[in-house]
Amino acid sequence: MRRMLVVGGASLGIHIWLFFLLAGYRELAFRVGLLFPHHHDVADIGVVGGTGFAVLAIAIVVAGILFERLFRRLWHDTREGAE
């Protein structure tokens, strides 16, 4: 459980870092966020950005946890095969 929390936290940290440093990633967050609100107005920029940020954060954390489990399973199977 602790390993999942560490991987989730690291994934979330990478997500935040990418959001603030890369304009393309920020644009992706806004494009994802545009799928959810009903209106497209200047006042919705915060909602669109926040929604896209949250959706991408959840996706990044889930992908990080799944990657960690896959890597651990492959590493475990490789070590058993060598013995």
N, C-alpha and C. Protein backbone atom coordinates (compact mmCIF):
# COMPACT_ATOMS: atom_id res chain seq x y z
N MET A 1 0.83 -1.20 0.00
CA MET A 1 0.00 0.00 0.00
C MET A 1 0.87 1.26 0.00
N ARG A 2 1.95 1.20 0.78
CA ARG A 2 2.82 2.36 0.86
C ARG A 2 3.48 2.64 -0.49
N ARG A 3 3.83 1.58 -1.20
CA ARG A 3 4.46 1.74 -2.51
C ARG A 3 3.50 2.41 -3.48
N MET A 4 2.22 2.04 -3.43
CA MET A 4 1.22 2.66 -4.30
C MET A 4 1.09 4.15 -3.99
N LEU A 5 1.12 4.51 -2.72
CA LEU A 5 1.03 5.92 -2.35
C LEU A 5 2.25 6.71 -2.83
N VAL A 6 3.43 6.10 -2.74
CA VAL A 6 4.64 6.76 -3.21
C VAL A 6 4.58 6.97 -4.72
N VAL A 7 4.17 5.92 -5.44
CA VAL A 7 4.08 6.02 -6.90
C VAL A 7 3.01 7.04 -7.29
N GLY A 8 1.87 7.02 -6.61
CA GLY A 8 0.80 7.99 -6.89
C GLY A 8 1.26 9.42 -6.63
N GLY A 9 1.97 9.62 -5.53
CA GLY A 9 2.49 10.95 -5.21
C GLY A 9 3.53 11.42 -6.22
N ALA A 10 4.41 10.51 -6.62
CA ALA A 10 5.41 10.87 -7.62
C ALA A 10 4.76 11.19 -8.96
N SER A 11 3.75 10.41 -9.34
CA SER A 11 3.04 10.67 -10.59
C SER A 11 2.33 12.02 -10.55
N LEU A 12 1.72 12.33 -9.43
CA LEU A 12 1.04 13.61 -9.29
C LEU A 12 2.05 14.77 -9.32
N GLY A 13 3.21 14.57 -8.73
CA GLY A 13 4.25 15.59 -8.78
C GLY A 13 4.74 15.83 -10.20
N ILE A 14 4.91 14.75 -10.97
CA ILE A 14 5.30 14.88 -12.37
C ILE A 14 4.21 15.60 -13.16
N HIS A 15 2.95 15.29 -12.88
CA HIS A 15 1.83 15.95 -13.56
C HIS A 15 1.85 17.46 -13.29
N ILE A 16 2.03 17.85 -12.05
CA ILE A 16 2.05 19.27 -11.70
C ILE A 16 3.25 19.96 -12.36
N TRP A 17 4.40 19.31 -12.34
CA TRP A 17 5.60 19.85 -12.96
C TRP A 17 5.39 20.06 -14.46
N LEU A 18 4.83 19.04 -15.13
CA LEU A 18 4.58 19.17 -16.57
C LEU A 18 3.57 20.28 -16.87
N PHE A 19 2.54 20.40 -16.04
CA PHE A 19 1.51 21.40 -16.26
C PHE A 19 2.09 22.81 -16.21
N PHE A 20 2.97 23.06 -15.28
CA PHE A 20 3.51 24.41 -15.13
C PHE A 20 4.67 24.71 -16.07
N LEU A 21 5.38 23.70 -16.55
CA LEU A 21 6.56 23.96 -17.37
C LEU A 21 6.35 23.79 -18.87
N LEU A 22 5.39 22.99 -19.28
CA LEU A 22 5.22 22.73 -20.71
C LEU A 22 3.88 23.27 -21.21
N ALA A 23 3.94 24.18 -22.15
CA ALA A 23 2.73 24.79 -22.70
C ALA A 23 1.86 23.77 -23.43
N GLY A 24 2.47 22.79 -24.08
CA GLY A 24 1.71 21.76 -24.79
C GLY A 24 0.89 20.91 -23.84
N TYR A 25 1.45 20.60 -22.68
CA TYR A 25 0.73 19.81 -21.69
C TYR A 25 -0.42 20.62 -21.10
N ARG A 26 -0.16 21.91 -20.89
CA ARG A 26 -1.21 22.81 -20.39
C ARG A 26 -2.35 22.92 -21.40
N GLU A 27 -2.00 23.00 -22.69
CA GLU A 27 -3.01 23.03 -23.75
C GLU A 27 -3.82 21.74 -23.77
N LEU A 28 -3.15 20.61 -23.55
CA LEU A 28 -3.85 19.32 -23.48
C LEU A 28 -4.85 19.31 -22.33
N ALA A 29 -4.45 19.87 -21.19
CA ALA A 29 -5.37 19.93 -20.05
C ALA A 29 -6.60 20.77 -20.39
N PHE A 30 -6.41 21.89 -21.07
CA PHE A 30 -7.56 22.72 -21.45
C PHE A 30 -8.43 22.02 -22.49
N ARG A 31 -7.82 21.28 -23.41
CA ARG A 31 -8.62 20.55 -24.40
C ARG A 31 -9.44 19.44 -23.75
N VAL A 32 -8.86 18.75 -22.78
CA VAL A 32 -9.61 17.73 -22.05
C VAL A 32 -10.72 18.38 -21.25
N GLY A 33 -10.43 19.51 -20.64
CA GLY A 33 -11.44 20.22 -19.86
C GLY A 33 -12.59 20.75 -20.68
N LEU A 34 -12.35 21.03 -21.95
CA LEU A 34 -13.43 21.53 -22.82
C LEU A 34 -14.52 20.49 -23.07
N LEU A 35 -14.23 19.24 -22.80
CA LEU A 35 -15.22 18.19 -23.00
C LEU A 35 -16.34 18.23 -21.97
N PHE A 36 -16.14 18.88 -20.82
CA PHE A 36 -17.07 18.77 -19.72
C PHE A 36 -18.05 19.91 -19.52
N PRO A 37 -17.68 21.20 -19.60
CA PRO A 37 -18.68 22.25 -19.32
C PRO A 37 -19.68 22.40 -20.47
N HIS A 38 -20.82 22.95 -20.14
CA HIS A 38 -21.89 23.15 -21.13
C HIS A 38 -21.64 24.37 -21.99
N HIS A 39 -21.05 25.41 -21.42
CA HIS A 39 -20.84 26.66 -22.14
C HIS A 39 -19.36 26.80 -22.44
N HIS A 40 -19.05 27.64 -23.37
CA HIS A 40 -17.66 27.97 -23.65
C HIS A 40 -17.56 29.50 -23.64
N ASP A 41 -17.28 30.02 -22.46
CA ASP A 41 -17.21 31.45 -22.25
C ASP A 41 -15.87 31.77 -21.56
N VAL A 42 -15.49 33.02 -21.56
CA VAL A 42 -14.25 33.42 -20.91
C VAL A 42 -14.30 33.12 -19.42
N ALA A 43 -15.46 33.20 -18.83
CA ALA A 43 -15.61 32.92 -17.40
C ALA A 43 -15.38 31.45 -17.08
N ASP A 44 -15.44 30.57 -18.08
CA ASP A 44 -15.27 29.14 -17.86
C ASP A 44 -13.81 28.69 -17.92
N ILE A 45 -12.88 29.61 -18.08
CA ILE A 45 -11.48 29.22 -18.20
C ILE A 45 -11.01 28.49 -16.94
N GLY A 46 -11.38 28.96 -15.79
CA GLY A 46 -11.00 28.29 -14.54
C GLY A 46 -11.60 26.91 -14.43
N VAL A 47 -12.86 26.78 -14.79
CA VAL A 47 -13.54 25.49 -14.74
C VAL A 47 -12.92 24.52 -15.74
N VAL A 48 -12.68 25.00 -16.95
CA VAL A 48 -12.10 24.16 -18.00
C VAL A 48 -10.70 23.71 -17.61
N GLY A 49 -9.89 24.65 -17.16
CA GLY A 49 -8.52 24.31 -16.75
C GLY A 49 -8.49 23.39 -15.55
N GLY A 50 -9.34 23.66 -14.57
CA GLY A 50 -9.39 22.81 -13.37
C GLY A 50 -9.89 21.41 -13.66
N THR A 51 -10.90 21.32 -14.50
CA THR A 51 -11.44 20.00 -14.86
C THR A 51 -10.40 19.20 -15.65
N GLY A 52 -9.79 19.82 -16.62
CA GLY A 52 -8.75 19.13 -17.39
C GLY A 52 -7.58 18.72 -16.53
N PHE A 53 -7.18 19.61 -15.60
CA PHE A 53 -6.09 19.30 -14.68
C PHE A 53 -6.44 18.10 -13.83
N ALA A 54 -7.66 18.05 -13.30
CA ALA A 54 -8.08 16.94 -12.44
C ALA A 54 -8.17 15.63 -13.22
N VAL A 55 -8.74 15.67 -14.41
CA VAL A 55 -8.87 14.45 -15.22
C VAL A 55 -7.50 13.92 -15.59
N LEU A 56 -6.60 14.78 -16.01
CA LEU A 56 -5.25 14.33 -16.34
C LEU A 56 -4.50 13.84 -15.11
N ALA A 57 -4.73 14.47 -13.96
CA ALA A 57 -4.08 14.02 -12.73
C ALA A 57 -4.52 12.60 -12.37
N ILE A 58 -5.80 12.33 -12.46
CA ILE A 58 -6.30 10.99 -12.17
C ILE A 58 -5.72 9.98 -13.16
N ALA A 59 -5.69 10.35 -14.43
CA ALA A 59 -5.15 9.44 -15.45
C ALA A 59 -3.67 9.17 -15.21
N ILE A 60 -2.90 10.18 -14.86
CA ILE A 60 -1.46 10.02 -14.62
C ILE A 60 -1.22 9.14 -13.40
N VAL A 61 -1.96 9.35 -12.33
CA VAL A 61 -1.78 8.54 -11.12
C VAL A 61 -2.14 7.08 -11.39
N VAL A 62 -3.25 6.84 -12.06
CA VAL A 62 -3.64 5.45 -12.39
C VAL A 62 -2.60 4.81 -13.30
N ALA A 63 -2.13 5.52 -14.29
CA ALA A 63 -1.10 4.97 -15.19
C ALA A 63 0.19 4.68 -14.42
N GLY A 64 0.56 5.55 -13.51
CA GLY A 64 1.77 5.32 -12.71
C GLY A 64 1.65 4.08 -11.85
N ILE A 65 0.50 3.90 -11.21
CA ILE A 65 0.29 2.72 -10.37
C ILE A 65 0.27 1.45 -11.21
N LEU A 66 -0.41 1.48 -12.35
CA LEU A 66 -0.44 0.31 -13.22
C LEU A 66 0.96 -0.02 -13.76
N PHE A 67 1.72 1.00 -14.13
CA PHE A 67 3.08 0.77 -14.62
C PHE A 67 3.95 0.17 -13.52
N GLU A 68 3.81 0.66 -12.30
CA GLU A 68 4.59 0.14 -11.18
C GLU A 68 4.24 -1.32 -10.92
N ARG A 69 2.97 -1.67 -10.97
CA ARG A 69 2.56 -3.07 -10.76
C ARG A 69 3.08 -3.97 -11.88
N LEU A 70 3.00 -3.50 -13.10
CA LEU A 70 3.51 -4.27 -14.23
C LEU A 70 5.02 -4.47 -14.11
N PHE A 71 5.74 -3.40 -13.79
CA PHE A 71 7.18 -3.49 -13.64
C PHE A 71 7.55 -4.43 -12.50
N ARG A 72 6.85 -4.36 -11.38
CA ARG A 72 7.13 -5.24 -10.24
C ARG A 72 6.87 -6.69 -10.60
N ARG A 73 5.76 -6.96 -11.32
CA ARG A 73 5.44 -8.32 -11.72
C ARG A 73 6.48 -8.87 -12.69
N LEU A 74 6.87 -8.06 -13.68
CA LEU A 74 7.89 -8.51 -14.62
C LEU A 74 9.23 -8.74 -13.93
N TRP A 75 9.58 -7.86 -13.01
CA TRP A 75 10.83 -8.00 -12.27
C TRP A 75 10.80 -9.26 -11.43
N HIS A 76 9.67 -9.53 -10.79
CA HIS A 76 9.53 -10.71 -9.94
C HIS A 76 9.61 -11.98 -10.78
N ASP A 77 8.94 -12.01 -11.93
CA ASP A 77 8.98 -13.18 -12.81
C ASP A 77 10.36 -13.41 -13.38
N THR A 78 11.09 -12.35 -13.67
CA THR A 78 12.44 -12.47 -14.20
C THR A 78 13.38 -13.05 -13.14
N ARG A 79 13.23 -12.61 -11.92
CA ARG A 79 14.08 -13.10 -10.84
C ARG A 79 13.78 -14.55 -10.52
N GLU A 80 12.51 -14.97 -10.59
CA GLU A 80 12.16 -16.37 -10.35
C GLU A 80 12.71 -17.26 -11.46
N GLY A 81 12.65 -16.78 -12.70
CA GLY A 81 13.16 -17.56 -13.83
C GLY A 81 14.66 -17.76 -13.78
N ALA A 82 15.38 -16.78 -13.22
CA ALA A 82 16.83 -16.87 -13.14
C ALA A 82 17.27 -17.85 -12.05
N GLU A 83 16.44 -18.05 -11.05
CA GLU A 83 16.81 -18.94 -9.93
C GLU A 83 16.44 -20.31 -10.28
